[in-house]
PDB file of N, CA and C in Angstrom:
ATOM      1  N   UNK A   1       0.797  -1.205  -0.114  1.00  0.00           N
ATOM      2  CA  UNK A   1       0.273   0.060  -0.136  1.00  0.00           C
ATOM      3  C   UNK A   1       0.579   1.052  -0.144  1.00  0.00           C
ATOM      4  N   UNK A   2       0.637   2.047  -0.903  1.00  0.00           N
ATOM      5  CA  UNK A   2       1.077   3.309  -0.889  1.00  0.00           C
ATOM      6  C   UNK A   2       1.336   4.349   0.106  1.00  0.00           C
ATOM      7  N   UNK A   3       2.377   4.959   0.764  1.00  0.00           N
ATOM      8  CA  UNK A   3       2.237   5.605   2.123  1.00  0.00           C
ATOM      9  C   UNK A   3       0.983   6.813   1.940  1.00  0.00           C
ATOM     10  N   UNK A   4       0.866   7.244   0.877  1.00  0.00           N
ATOM     11  CA  UNK A   4      -0.664   8.491   0.996  1.00  0.00           C
ATOM     12  C   UNK A   4      -1.672   7.568   0.051  1.00  0.00           C
ATOM     13  N   UNK A   5      -2.763   7.317   0.505  1.00  0.00           N
ATOM     14  CA  UNK A   5      -3.625   6.472   0.183  1.00  0.00           C
ATOM     15  C   UNK A   5      -4.301   7.732  -0.687  1.00  0.00           C
ATOM     16  N   UNK A   6      -5.308   7.227  -1.522  1.00  0.00           N
ATOM     17  CA  UNK A   6      -6.090   8.280  -2.211  1.00  0.00           C
ATOM     18  C   UNK A   6      -6.966   9.248  -1.930  1.00  0.00           C
ATOM     19  N   UNK A   7      -7.431   8.717  -0.667  1.00  0.00           N
ATOM     20  CA  UNK A   7      -8.230   9.806   0.273  1.00  0.00           C
ATOM     21  C   UNK A   7      -7.447  10.608   0.564  1.00  0.00           C
ATOM     22  N   UNK A   8      -6.092  10.507   1.197  1.00  0.00           N
ATOM     23  CA  UNK A   8      -4.991  11.376   1.904  1.00  0.00           C
ATOM     24  C   UNK A   8      -4.887  12.098   0.561  1.00  0.00           C
ATOM     25  N   UNK A   9      -4.427  11.607  -0.559  1.00  0.00           N
ATOM     26  CA  UNK A   9      -3.991  13.045  -1.384  1.00  0.00           C
ATOM     27  C   UNK A   9      -4.935  13.719  -1.942  1.00  0.00           C
ATOM     28  N   UNK A  10      -6.270  13.196  -2.053  1.00  0.00           N
ATOM     29  CA  UNK A  10      -7.658  13.991  -2.572  1.00  0.00           C
ATOM     30  C   UNK A  10      -7.454  14.980  -1.206  1.00  0.00           C
ATOM     31  N   UNK A  11      -7.345  14.940  -0.019  1.00  0.00           N
ATOM     32  CA  UNK A  11      -7.975  16.056   0.898  1.00  0.00           C
ATOM     33  C   UNK A  11      -6.328  16.917   0.995  1.00  0.00           C
ATOM     34  N   UNK A  12      -5.178  16.404   0.558  1.00  0.00           N
ATOM     35  CA  UNK A  12      -4.015  17.026   0.418  1.00  0.00           C
ATOM     36  C   UNK A  12      -3.974  18.280  -0.502  1.00  0.00           C
ATOM     37  N   UNK A  13      -4.706  17.836  -1.923  1.00  0.00           N
ATOM     38  CA  UNK A  13      -4.570  18.504  -2.943  1.00  0.00           C
ATOM     39  C   UNK A  13      -5.715  19.400  -3.040  1.00  0.00           C
ATOM     40  N   UNK A  14      -7.410  18.961  -2.345  1.00  0.00           N
ATOM     41  CA  UNK A  14      -8.312  19.746  -2.014  1.00  0.00           C
ATOM     42  C   UNK A  14      -8.889  19.928  -0.766  1.00  0.00           C
ATOM     43  N   UNK A  15      -8.094  20.649   0.119  1.00  0.00           N
ATOM     44  CA  UNK A  15      -8.437  20.915   1.556  1.00  0.00           C
ATOM     45  C   UNK A  15      -9.917  21.050   1.878  1.00  0.00           C
ATOM     46  N   UNK A  16     -10.482  20.790   2.441  1.00  0.00           N
ATOM     47  CA  UNK A  16     -11.821  21.424   3.044  1.00  0.00           C
ATOM     48  C   UNK A  16     -11.554  22.169   4.165  1.00  0.00           C
ATOM     49  N   UNK A  17     -12.293  23.495   3.822  1.00  0.00           N
ATOM     50  CA  UNK A  17     -12.172  24.297   4.751  1.00  0.00           C
ATOM     51  C   UNK A  17     -10.901  25.418   5.219  1.00  0.00           C
ATOM     52  N   UNK A  18      -9.785  24.995   4.427  1.00  0.00           N
ATOM     53  CA  UNK A  18      -8.586  25.781   4.440  1.00  0.00           C
ATOM     54  C   UNK A  18      -8.768  27.198   4.166  1.00  0.00           C
ATOM     55  N   UNK A  19      -8.263  28.000   4.770  1.00  0.00           N
ATOM     56  CA  UNK A  19      -8.447  29.399   4.365  1.00  0.00           C
ATOM     57  C   UNK A  19      -7.136  30.268   4.462  1.00  0.00           C
ATOM     58  N   UNK A  20      -6.742  31.020   3.294  1.00  0.00           N
ATOM     59  CA  UNK A  20      -5.188  31.898   3.255  1.00  0.00           C
ATOM     60  C   UNK A  20      -5.325  32.937   4.692  1.00  0.00           C
ATOM     61  N   UNK A  21      -6.371  33.578   4.764  1.00  0.00           N
ATOM     62  CA  UNK A  21      -6.467  34.842   5.724  1.00  0.00           C
ATOM     63  C   UNK A  21      -8.115  35.012   6.488  1.00  0.00           C
ATOM     64  N   UNK A  22      -7.975  35.476   7.531  1.00  0.00           N
ATOM     65  CA  UNK A  22      -8.878  35.308   8.562  1.00  0.00           C
ATOM     66  C   UNK A  22      -8.431  36.115   9.309  1.00  0.00           C
ATOM     67  N   UNK A  23      -9.893  37.007  10.324  1.00  0.00           N
ATOM     68  CA  UNK A  23      -9.771  37.706  11.407  1.00  0.00           C
ATOM     69  C   UNK A  23      -9.900  37.154  12.406  1.00  0.00           C
ATOM     70  N   UNK A  24     -10.316  35.876  12.472  1.00  0.00           N
ATOM     71  CA  UNK A  24     -10.934  35.263  13.416  1.00  0.00           C
ATOM     72  C   UNK A  24      -9.611  34.805  14.468  1.00  0.00           C
ATOM     73  N   UNK A  25     -10.180  34.288  15.630  1.00  0.00           N
ATOM     74  CA  UNK A  25      -8.988  33.643  16.370  1.00  0.00           C
ATOM     75  C   UNK A  25      -8.630  32.476  16.113  1.00  0.00           C
ATOM     76  N   UNK A  26      -7.437  32.215  16.050  1.00  0.00           N
ATOM     77  CA  UNK A  26      -7.288  30.550  15.903  1.00  0.00           C
ATOM     78  C   UNK A  26      -6.720  30.030  17.267  1.00  0.00           C
ATOM     79  N   UNK A  27      -6.701  28.535  17.096  1.00  0.00           N
ATOM     80  CA  UNK A  27      -5.943  27.516  18.040  1.00  0.00           C
ATOM     81  C   UNK A  27      -4.832  26.902  17.123  1.00  0.00           C
ATOM     82  N   UNK A  28      -3.438  26.991  17.764  1.00  0.00           N
ATOM     83  CA  UNK A  28      -2.424  26.538  17.301  1.00  0.00           C
ATOM     84  C   UNK A  28      -2.001  25.347  17.480  1.00  0.00           C
ATOM     85  N   UNK A  29      -1.682  24.537  16.842  1.00  0.00           N
ATOM     86  CA  UNK A  29      -0.902  23.287  17.215  1.00  0.00           C
ATOM     87  C   UNK A  29       0.379  22.981  15.928  1.00  0.00           C
ATOM     88  N   UNK A  30       1.749  22.852  16.565  1.00  0.00           N
ATOM     89  CA  UNK A  30       2.443  22.550  16.108  1.00  0.00           C
ATOM     90  C   UNK A  30       3.270  21.615  16.356  1.00  0.00           C
ATOM     91  N   UNK A  31       4.403  20.989  15.434  1.00  0.00           N
ATOM     92  CA  UNK A  31       5.475  19.687  15.590  1.00  0.00           C
ATOM     93  C   UNK A  31       6.601  20.386  15.019  1.00  0.00           C
ATOM     94  N   UNK A  32       7.361  20.531  16.221  1.00  0.00           N
ATOM     95  CA  UNK A  32       8.805  21.363  16.109  1.00  0.00           C
ATOM     96  C   UNK A  32       9.600  20.141  15.300  1.00  0.00           C
ATOM     97  N   UNK A  33       9.566  18.654  15.649  1.00  0.00           N
ATOM     98  CA  UNK A  33      10.216  18.087  14.950  1.00  0.00           C
ATOM     99  C   UNK A  33      10.319  18.226  13.674  1.00  0.00           C
ATOM    100  N   UNK A  34       9.336  18.494  13.074  1.00  0.00           N
ATOM    101  CA  UNK A  34       9.320  18.452  11.437  1.00  0.00           C
ATOM    102  C   UNK A  34       8.937  19.700  11.071  1.00  0.00           C
ATOM    103  N   UNK A  35       8.311  20.676  11.771  1.00  0.00           N
ATOM    104  CA  UNK A  35       7.923  21.989  10.944  1.00  0.00           C
ATOM    105  C   UNK A  35       6.341  22.071  10.652  1.00  0.00           C
ATOM    106  N   UNK A  36       5.690  21.035  10.988  1.00  0.00           N
ATOM    107  CA  UNK A  36       4.007  21.120  10.514  1.00  0.00           C
ATOM    108  C   UNK A  36       3.269  21.999  11.698  1.00  0.00           C
ATOM    109  N   UNK A  37       2.320  22.957  11.061  1.00  0.00           N
ATOM    110  CA  UNK A  37       1.570  23.737  12.215  1.00  0.00           C
ATOM    111  C   UNK A  37       0.343  23.778  11.547  1.00  0.00           C
ATOM    112  N   UNK A  38      -0.739  23.729  12.112  1.00  0.00           N
ATOM    113  CA  UNK A  38      -2.217  23.853  11.921  1.00  0.00           C
ATOM    114  C   UNK A  38      -2.652  24.799  13.098  1.00  0.00           C
ATOM    115  N   UNK A  39      -3.399  25.913  12.208  1.00  0.00           N
ATOM    116  CA  UNK A  39      -4.342  26.753  13.155  1.00  0.00           C
ATOM    117  C   UNK A  39      -5.773  26.396  12.629  1.00  0.00           C
ATOM    118  N   UNK A  40      -6.529  26.429  13.721  1.00  0.00           N
ATOM    119  CA  UNK A  40      -8.017  26.417  13.571  1.00  0.00           C
ATOM    120  C   UNK A  40      -8.961  27.040  13.952  1.00  0.00           C
ATOM    121  N   UNK A  41     -10.007  27.527  13.200  1.00  0.00           N
ATOM    122  CA  UNK A  41     -10.978  28.223  14.221  1.00  0.00           C
ATOM    123  C   UNK A  41     -12.742  27.732  13.836  1.00  0.00           C
ATOM    124  N   UNK A  42     -13.135  27.563  14.943  1.00  0.00           N
ATOM    125  CA  UNK A  42     -14.388  26.779  14.875  1.00  0.00           C
ATOM    126  C   UNK A  42     -15.366  27.955  15.379  1.00  0.00           C
ATOM    127  N   UNK A  43     -16.572  27.724  14.518  1.00  0.00           N
ATOM    128  CA  UNK A  43     -17.744  28.840  14.841  1.00  0.00           C
ATOM    129  C   UNK A  43     -18.919  27.840  15.160  1.00  0.00           C
ATOM    130  N   UNK A  44     -19.082  27.971  16.727  1.00  0.00           N
ATOM    131  CA  UNK A  44     -20.052  27.001  17.346  1.00  0.00           C
ATOM    132  C   UNK A  44     -21.456  27.599  17.870  1.00  0.00           C
ATOM    133  N   UNK A  45     -22.377  27.129  17.662  1.00  0.00           N
ATOM    134  CA  UNK A  45     -23.686  27.644  18.065  1.00  0.00           C
ATOM    135  C   UNK A  45     -24.492  26.443  19.042  1.00  0.00           C
ATOM    136  N   UNK A  46     -24.951  27.111  20.170  1.00  0.00           N
ATOM    137  CA  UNK A  46     -25.459  25.930  21.094  1.00  0.00           C
ATOM    138  C   UNK A  46     -24.964  24.340  21.064  1.00  0.00           C
ATOM    139  N   UNK A  47     -23.600  24.420  21.188  1.00  0.00           N
ATOM    140  CA  UNK A  47     -22.970  23.247  21.129  1.00  0.00           C
ATOM    141  C   UNK A  47     -22.463  22.106  19.779  1.00  0.00           C
ATOM    142  N   UNK A  48     -23.127  23.089  18.742  1.00  0.00           N
ATOM    143  CA  UNK A  48     -22.682  22.590  17.827  1.00  0.00           C
ATOM    144  C   UNK A  48     -22.043  23.024  16.465  1.00  0.00           C
ATOM    145  N   UNK A  49     -21.036  22.500  15.907  1.00  0.00           N
ATOM    146  CA  UNK A  49     -19.905  22.819  15.059  1.00  0.00           C
ATOM    147  C   UNK A  49     -20.453  23.584  13.986  1.00  0.00           C
ATOM    148  N   UNK A  50     -20.674  24.743  13.702  1.00  0.00           N
ATOM    149  CA  UNK A  50     -20.982  25.061  12.405  1.00  0.00           C
ATOM    150  C   UNK A  50     -20.324  25.219  11.333  1.00  0.00           C
ATOM    151  N   UNK A  51     -19.391  25.449  11.563  1.00  0.00           N
ATOM    152  CA  UNK A  51     -18.340  25.802  10.654  1.00  0.00           C
ATOM    153  C   UNK A  51     -16.805  25.802  11.246  1.00  0.00           C
ATOM    154  N   UNK A  52     -15.577  25.094  10.319  1.00  0.00           N
ATOM    155  CA  UNK A  52     -14.197  24.996  10.652  1.00  0.00           C
ATOM    156  C   UNK A  52     -13.716  25.376   9.580  1.00  0.00           C
ATOM    157  N   UNK A  53     -12.471  26.577   9.726  1.00  0.00           N
ATOM    158  CA  UNK A  53     -11.701  26.866   9.046  1.00  0.00           C
ATOM    159  C   UNK A  53     -10.486  26.792   9.503  1.00  0.00           C
ATOM    160  N   UNK A  54      -9.346  26.431   8.842  1.00  0.00           N
ATOM    161  CA  UNK A  54      -8.014  26.498   9.102  1.00  0.00           C
ATOM    162  C   UNK A  54      -7.001  26.739   8.378  1.00  0.00           C
ATOM    163  N   UNK A  55      -6.018  27.013   8.698  1.00  0.00           N
ATOM    164  CA  UNK A  55      -4.571  27.557   7.849  1.00  0.00           C
ATOM    165  C   UNK A  55      -3.391  26.686   8.317  1.00  0.00           C
ATOM    166  N   UNK A  56      -2.410  26.489   7.531  1.00  0.00           N
ATOM    167  CA  UNK A  56      -0.931  25.560   7.869  1.00  0.00           C
ATOM    168  C   UNK A  56      -0.717  25.026   6.689  1.00  0.00           C
ATOM    169  N   UNK A  57       0.744  24.580   7.322  1.00  0.00           N
ATOM    170  CA  UNK A  57       1.654  24.172   6.312  1.00  0.00           C
ATOM    171  C   UNK A  57       2.506  22.811   7.205  1.00  0.00           C
ATOM    172  N   UNK A  58       2.577  21.956   6.176  1.00  0.00           N
ATOM    173  CA  UNK A  58       3.351  20.571   6.510  1.00  0.00           C
ATOM    174  C   UNK A  58       2.998  19.470   5.619  1.00  0.00           C
ATOM    175  N   UNK A  59       3.269  17.935   6.190  1.00  0.00           N
ATOM    176  CA  UNK A  59       3.426  17.158   5.332  1.00  0.00           C
ATOM    177  C   UNK A  59       1.796  17.003   4.758  1.00  0.00           C
ATOM    178  N   UNK A  60       1.516  16.098   3.723  1.00  0.00           N
ATOM    179  CA  UNK A  60       0.288  15.180   3.388  1.00  0.00           C
ATOM    180  C   UNK A  60      -0.587  14.900   4.535  1.00  0.00           C
ATOM    181  N   UNK A  61       0.274  14.282   5.318  1.00  0.00           N
ATOM    182  CA  UNK A  61      -0.529  13.612   6.379  1.00  0.00           C
ATOM    183  C   UNK A  61      -1.272  14.766   7.161  1.00  0.00           C
ATOM    184  N   UNK A  62      -0.643  15.874   7.676  1.00  0.00           N
ATOM    185  CA  UNK A  62      -1.040  16.558   8.717  1.00  0.00           C
ATOM    186  C   UNK A  62      -1.776  17.348   8.039  1.00  0.00           C
ATOM    187  N   UNK A  63      -1.886  17.758   6.679  1.00  0.00           N
ATOM    188  CA  UNK A  63      -2.803  18.750   5.818  1.00  0.00           C
ATOM    189  C   UNK A  63      -4.115  18.097   5.751  1.00  0.00           C
ATOM    190  N   UNK A  64      -4.213  16.650   5.231  1.00  0.00           N
ATOM    191  CA  UNK A  64      -5.170  15.658   4.966  1.00  0.00           C
ATOM    192  C   UNK A  64      -6.023  15.352   6.005  1.00  0.00           C
ATOM    193  N   UNK A  65      -5.055  15.309   7.190  1.00  0.00           N
ATOM    194  CA  UNK A  65      -5.958  15.002   8.390  1.00  0.00           C
ATOM    195  C   UNK A  65      -6.902  16.081   9.079  1.00  0.00           C
ATOM    196  N   UNK A  66      -6.540  17.353   8.924  1.00  0.00           N
ATOM    197  CA  UNK A  66      -7.303  18.318   9.167  1.00  0.00           C
ATOM    198  C   UNK A  66      -8.647  18.501   8.375  1.00  0.00           C
ATOM    199  N   UNK A  67      -8.040  18.739   7.151  1.00  0.00           N
ATOM    200  CA  UNK A  67      -9.215  18.524   6.189  1.00  0.00           C
ATOM    201  C   UNK A  67     -10.239  17.473   6.208  1.00  0.00           C
ATOM    202  N   UNK A  68      -9.728  16.163   6.614  1.00  0.00           N
ATOM    203  CA  UNK A  68     -10.756  15.222   7.135  1.00  0.00           C
ATOM    204  C   UNK A  68     -11.620  15.036   8.153  1.00  0.00           C
ATOM    205  N   UNK A  69     -11.131  15.816   9.182  1.00  0.00           N
ATOM    206  CA  UNK A  69     -11.699  16.496  10.299  1.00  0.00           C
ATOM    207  C   UNK A  69     -12.777  17.649  10.135  1.00  0.00           C
ATOM    208  N   UNK A  70     -12.568  18.305   9.384  1.00  0.00           N
ATOM    209  CA  UNK A  70     -13.522  19.812   8.762  1.00  0.00           C
ATOM    210  C   UNK A  70     -14.727  18.788   8.186  1.00  0.00           C
ATOM    211  N   UNK A  71     -14.617  18.026   7.488  1.00  0.00           N
ATOM    212  CA  UNK A  71     -15.867  17.014   6.983  1.00  0.00           C
ATOM    213  C   UNK A  71     -16.371  16.408   7.825  1.00  0.00           C
ATOM    214  N   UNK A  72     -15.708  15.615   8.790  1.00  0.00           N
ATOM    215  CA  UNK A  72     -16.284  14.664  10.081  1.00  0.00           C
ATOM    216  C   UNK A  72     -17.113  15.589  10.935  1.00  0.00           C
ATOM    217  N   UNK A  73     -16.553  16.905  11.155  1.00  0.00           N
ATOM    218  CA  UNK A  73     -16.999  17.453  12.500  1.00  0.00           C
ATOM    219  C   UNK A  73     -18.226  18.866  12.252  1.00  0.00           C
ATOM    220  N   UNK A  74     -18.152  19.078  11.001  1.00  0.00           N
ATOM    221  CA  UNK A  74     -19.026  20.127  10.596  1.00  0.00           C
ATOM    222  C   UNK A  74     -20.555  19.438  11.152  1.00  0.00           C
ATOM    223  N   UNK A  75     -21.456  20.626  11.649  1.00  0.00           N
ATOM    224  CA  UNK A  75     -22.552  19.809  11.673  1.00  0.00           C
ATOM    225  C   UNK A  75     -22.833  19.073  13.240  1.00  0.00           C
ATOM    226  N   UNK A  76     -21.756  18.553  13.614  1.00  0.00           N
ATOM    227  CA  UNK A  76     -21.615  17.661  15.042  1.00  0.00           C
ATOM    228  C   UNK A  76     -21.639  18.366  16.277  1.00  0.00           C
ATOM    229  N   UNK A  77     -21.751  17.817  17.464  1.00  0.00           N
ATOM    230  CA  UNK A  77     -21.512  18.513  18.540  1.00  0.00           C
ATOM    231  C   UNK A  77     -20.121  18.763  18.926  1.00  0.00           C
ATOM    232  N   UNK A  78     -19.854  19.426  20.054  1.00  0.00           N
ATOM    233  CA  UNK A  78     -18.125  19.875  20.384  1.00  0.00           C
ATOM    234  C   UNK A  78     -18.031  18.740  20.950  1.00  0.00           C
ATOM    235  N   UNK A  79     -19.257  17.875  21.829  1.00  0.00           N
ATOM    236  CA  UNK A  79     -18.790  16.977  22.676  1.00  0.00           C
ATOM    237  C   UNK A  79     -18.262  15.819  21.983  1.00  0.00           C
ATOM    238  N   UNK A  80     -18.862  15.521  20.969  1.00  0.00           N
ATOM    239  CA  UNK A  80     -18.620  14.590  19.952  1.00  0.00           C
ATOM    240  C   UNK A  80     -17.160  14.861  19.630  1.00  0.00           C
ATOM    241  N   UNK A  81     -16.983  15.867  19.227  1.00  0.00           N
ATOM    242  CA  UNK A  81     -15.611  16.083  18.776  1.00  0.00           C
ATOM    243  C   UNK A  81     -14.474  16.253  19.803  1.00  0.00           C
ATOM    244  N   UNK A  82     -15.042  16.505  21.531  1.00  0.00           N
ATOM    245  CA  UNK A  82     -14.299  16.489  22.431  1.00  0.00           C
ATOM    246  C   UNK A  82     -13.806  15.065  22.880  1.00  0.00           C
ATOM    247  N   UNK A  83     -14.679  14.370  22.526  1.00  0.00           N
ATOM    248  CA  UNK A  83     -14.571  12.365  22.539  1.00  0.00           C
ATOM    249  C   UNK A  83     -13.835  12.165  21.688  1.00  0.00           C
ATOM    250  N   UNK A  84     -13.473  12.127  20.192  1.00  0.00           N
ATOM    251  CA  UNK A  84     -12.882  11.708  19.429  1.00  0.00           C
ATOM    252  C   UNK A  84     -11.644  11.534  19.896  1.00  0.00           C
ATOM    253  N   UNK A  85     -10.969  10.372  19.725  1.00  0.00           N
ATOM    254  CA  UNK A  85      -9.974   9.613  20.435  1.00  0.00           C
ATOM    255  C   UNK A  85      -8.926   9.441  19.123  1.00  0.00           C
ATOM    256  N   UNK A  86      -7.504   9.543  19.605  1.00  0.00           N
ATOM    257  CA  UNK A  86      -6.358   9.228  18.655  1.00  0.00           C
ATOM    258  C   UNK A  86      -6.643   7.821  18.010  1.00  0.00           C
ATOM    259  N   UNK A  87      -7.439   6.787  18.543  1.00  0.00           N
ATOM    260  CA  UNK A  87      -7.888   5.711  17.967  1.00  0.00           C
ATOM    261  C   UNK A  87      -8.892   6.037  16.670  1.00  0.00           C
ATOM    262  N   UNK A  88      -9.863   6.911  17.066  1.00  0.00           N
ATOM    263  CA  UNK A  88     -10.832   7.151  16.286  1.00  0.00           C
ATOM    264  C   UNK A  88      -9.749   8.445  15.094  1.00  0.00           C
ATOM    265  N   UNK A  89      -8.764   8.857  15.110  1.00  0.00           N
ATOM    266  CA  UNK A  89      -8.229   9.689  14.427  1.00  0.00           C
ATOM    267  C   UNK A  89      -7.488   8.662  13.309  1.00  0.00           C
ATOM    268  N   UNK A  90      -6.900   7.478  13.645  1.00  0.00           N
ATOM    269  CA  UNK A  90      -6.069   6.867  12.813  1.00  0.00           C
ATOM    270  C   UNK A  90      -7.565   5.766  11.997  1.00  0.00           C
ATOM    271  N   UNK A  91      -8.253   5.524  12.666  1.00  0.00           N
ATOM    272  CA  UNK A  91      -9.451   4.963  11.877  1.00  0.00           C
ATOM    273  C   UNK A  91      -9.952   5.880  10.572  1.00  0.00           C
ATOM    274  N   UNK A  92     -10.250   7.145  10.944  1.00  0.00           N
ATOM    275  CA  UNK A  92     -10.758   7.995   9.986  1.00  0.00           C
ATOM    276  C   UNK A  92      -9.501   8.494   8.747  1.00  0.00           C
ATOM    277  N   UNK A  93      -8.492   8.118   8.789  1.00  0.00           N
ATOM    278  CA  UNK A  93      -7.207   8.180   8.268  1.00  0.00           C
ATOM    279  C   UNK A  93      -7.106   7.007   7.294  1.00  0.00           C
ATOM    280  N   UNK A  94      -7.361   5.884   7.789  1.00  0.00           N
ATOM    281  CA  UNK A  94      -7.557   4.445   6.945  1.00  0.00           C
ATOM    282  C   UNK A  94      -6.331   4.526   6.454  1.00  0.00           C
ATOM    283  N   UNK A  95      -5.291   4.758   6.651  1.00  0.00           N
ATOM    284  CA  UNK A  95      -3.925   4.169   6.124  1.00  0.00           C
ATOM    285  C   UNK A  95      -3.068   3.810   7.340  1.00  0.00           C
ATOM    286  N   UNK A  96      -1.916   3.233   7.175  1.00  0.00           N
ATOM    287  CA  UNK A  96      -1.012   2.864   8.153  1.00  0.00           C
ATOM    288  C   UNK A  96      -0.219   4.321   8.508  1.00  0.00           C
ATOM    289  N   UNK A  97      -0.053   4.528   9.955  1.00  0.00           N
ATOM    290  CA  UNK A  97       0.697   5.689  10.153  1.00  0.00           C
ATOM    291  C   UNK A  97       1.734   4.987  11.401  1.00  0.00           C
ATOM    292  N   UNK A  98       2.814   5.175  11.033  1.00  0.00           N
ATOM    293  CA  UNK A  98       4.252   4.608  11.696  1.00  0.00           C
ATOM    294  C   UNK A  98       4.275   5.749  12.940  1.00  0.00           C
ATOM    295  N   UNK A  99       5.330   5.518  13.840  1.00  0.00           N
ATOM    296  CA  UNK A  99       5.198   6.153  14.961  1.00  0.00           C
ATOM    297  C   UNK A  99       6.039   7.690  14.591  1.00  0.00           C
ATOM    298  N   UNK A 100       6.599   7.660  13.684  1.00  0.00           N
ATOM    299  CA  UNK A 100       7.501   8.972  13.098  1.00  0.00           C
ATOM    300  C   UNK A 100       6.478   9.891  12.506  1.00  0.00           C
ATOM    301  N   UNK A 101       5.300   9.181  12.205  1.00  0.00           N
ATOM    302  CA  UNK A 101       4.060  10.282  11.375  1.00  0.00           C
ATOM    303  C   UNK A 101       2.900  10.276  12.255  1.00  0.00           C
ATOM    304  N   UNK A 102       2.739   9.746  13.879  1.00  0.00           N
ATOM    305  CA  UNK A 102       2.163  10.078  14.520  1.00  0.00           C
ATOM    306  C   UNK A 102       1.559  11.107  14.975  1.00  0.00           C
ATOM    307  N   UNK A 103       2.289  11.965  15.279  1.00  0.00           N
ATOM    308  CA  UNK A 103       2.279  13.831  15.822  1.00  0.00           C
ATOM    309  C   UNK A 103       1.657  14.474  14.324  1.00  0.00           C
ATOM    310  N   UNK A 104       1.711  13.820  13.098  1.00  0.00           N
ATOM    311  CA  UNK A 104       1.378  14.834  11.786  1.00  0.00           C
ATOM    312  C   UNK A 104      -0.064  14.135  11.795  1.00  0.00           C
ATOM    313  N   UNK A 105      -0.235  13.140  12.362  1.00  0.00           N
ATOM    314  CA  UNK A 105      -1.653  12.799  11.694  1.00  0.00           C
ATOM    315  C   UNK A 105      -2.478  13.447  13.234  1.00  0.00           C
ATOM    316  N   UNK A 106      -2.004  13.436  14.191  1.00  0.00           N
ATOM    317  CA  UNK A 106      -3.087  13.941  15.286  1.00  0.00           C
ATOM    318  C   UNK A 106      -2.948  15.434  15.649  1.00  0.00           C
ATOM    319  N   UNK A 107      -2.031  16.427  14.814  1.00  0.00           N
ATOM    320  CA  UNK A 107      -1.925  17.679  14.820  1.00  0.00           C
ATOM    321  C   UNK A 107      -3.069  18.437  14.571  1.00  0.00           C
ATOM    322  N   UNK A 108      -4.009  18.079  13.680  1.00  0.00           N
ATOM    323  CA  UNK A 108      -5.043  18.728  13.189  1.00  0.00           C
ATOM    324  C   UNK A 108      -6.254  18.788  14.466  1.00  0.00           C
ATOM    325  N   UNK A 109      -6.085  17.344  14.857  1.00  0.00           N
ATOM    326  CA  UNK A 109      -7.023  16.926  16.069  1.00  0.00           C
ATOM    327  C   UNK A 109      -6.918  17.759  17.394  1.00  0.00           C
ATOM    328  N   UNK A 110      -5.541  17.991  17.760  1.00  0.00           N
ATOM    329  CA  UNK A 110      -5.036  18.587  18.945  1.00  0.00           C
ATOM    330  C   UNK A 110      -5.720  20.244  18.739  1.00  0.00           C
ATOM    331  N   UNK A 111      -5.074  20.877  17.484  1.00  0.00           N
ATOM    332  CA  UNK A 111      -6.002  22.285  17.133  1.00  0.00           C
ATOM    333  C   UNK A 111      -7.535  22.585  17.344  1.00  0.00           C
ATOM    334  N   UNK A 112      -8.054  21.496  16.690  1.00  0.00           N
ATOM    335  CA  UNK A 112      -9.399  21.603  16.910  1.00  0.00           C
ATOM    336  C   UNK A 112      -9.997  21.581  18.195  1.00  0.00           C
ATOM    337  N   UNK A 113      -9.761  20.222  18.925  1.00  0.00           N
ATOM    338  CA  UNK A 113     -10.144  20.205  19.811  1.00  0.00           C
ATOM    339  C   UNK A 113      -9.938  21.481  20.994  1.00  0.00           C
ATOM    340  N   UNK A 114      -8.652  21.987  20.889  1.00  0.00           N
ATOM    341  CA  UNK A 114      -8.379  23.155  21.550  1.00  0.00           C
ATOM    342  C   UNK A 114      -9.292  24.032  21.274  1.00  0.00           C
ATOM    343  N   UNK A 115      -9.422  24.310  19.733  1.00  0.00           N
ATOM    344  CA  UNK A 115     -10.331  25.286  19.650  1.00  0.00           C
ATOM    345  C   UNK A 115     -11.591  25.596  20.238  1.00  0.00           C
ATOM    346  N   UNK A 116     -12.096  24.205  20.499  1.00  0.00           N
ATOM    347  CA  UNK A 116     -13.405  23.968  21.136  1.00  0.00           C
ATOM    348  C   UNK A 116     -13.686  24.151  22.378  1.00  0.00           C
ATOM    349  N   UNK A 117     -12.616  24.247  23.266  1.00  0.00           N
ATOM    350  CA  UNK A 117     -12.590  24.701  24.586  1.00  0.00           C
ATOM    351  C   UNK A 117     -12.327  25.763  24.734  1.00  0.00           C
ATOM    352  N   UNK A 118     -12.213  26.761  24.011  1.00  0.00           N
ATOM    353  CA  UNK A 118     -12.094  28.030  24.070  1.00  0.00           C
ATOM    354  C   UNK A 118     -13.062  28.749  24.274  1.00  0.00           C
TER     355      UNK A 118
END
């Protein structure tokens, strides 16, 4: 199996919710080991995630992961998002993630969960 499955490449090439500029407050998570950085903003109302926007740089795994989270959690509750685990994220990605790429795969989830707690 290729390192980057077709779904990963699709989200990397056509990221959902990615914006270049915004005046919104963002929650940022970074991986100093490789330089990946993800900043996320959520628009919530009555405990429901109405919109997620983000910007960031990094590898295909980190960028695709946050794009997949946009699709997964837009319209769902913040409680569902906060209950989403590392294992859930790895299942969502549906590609083998080795120990060196684990932080990349989880970076968007970290930023998104932090944004929901603000």
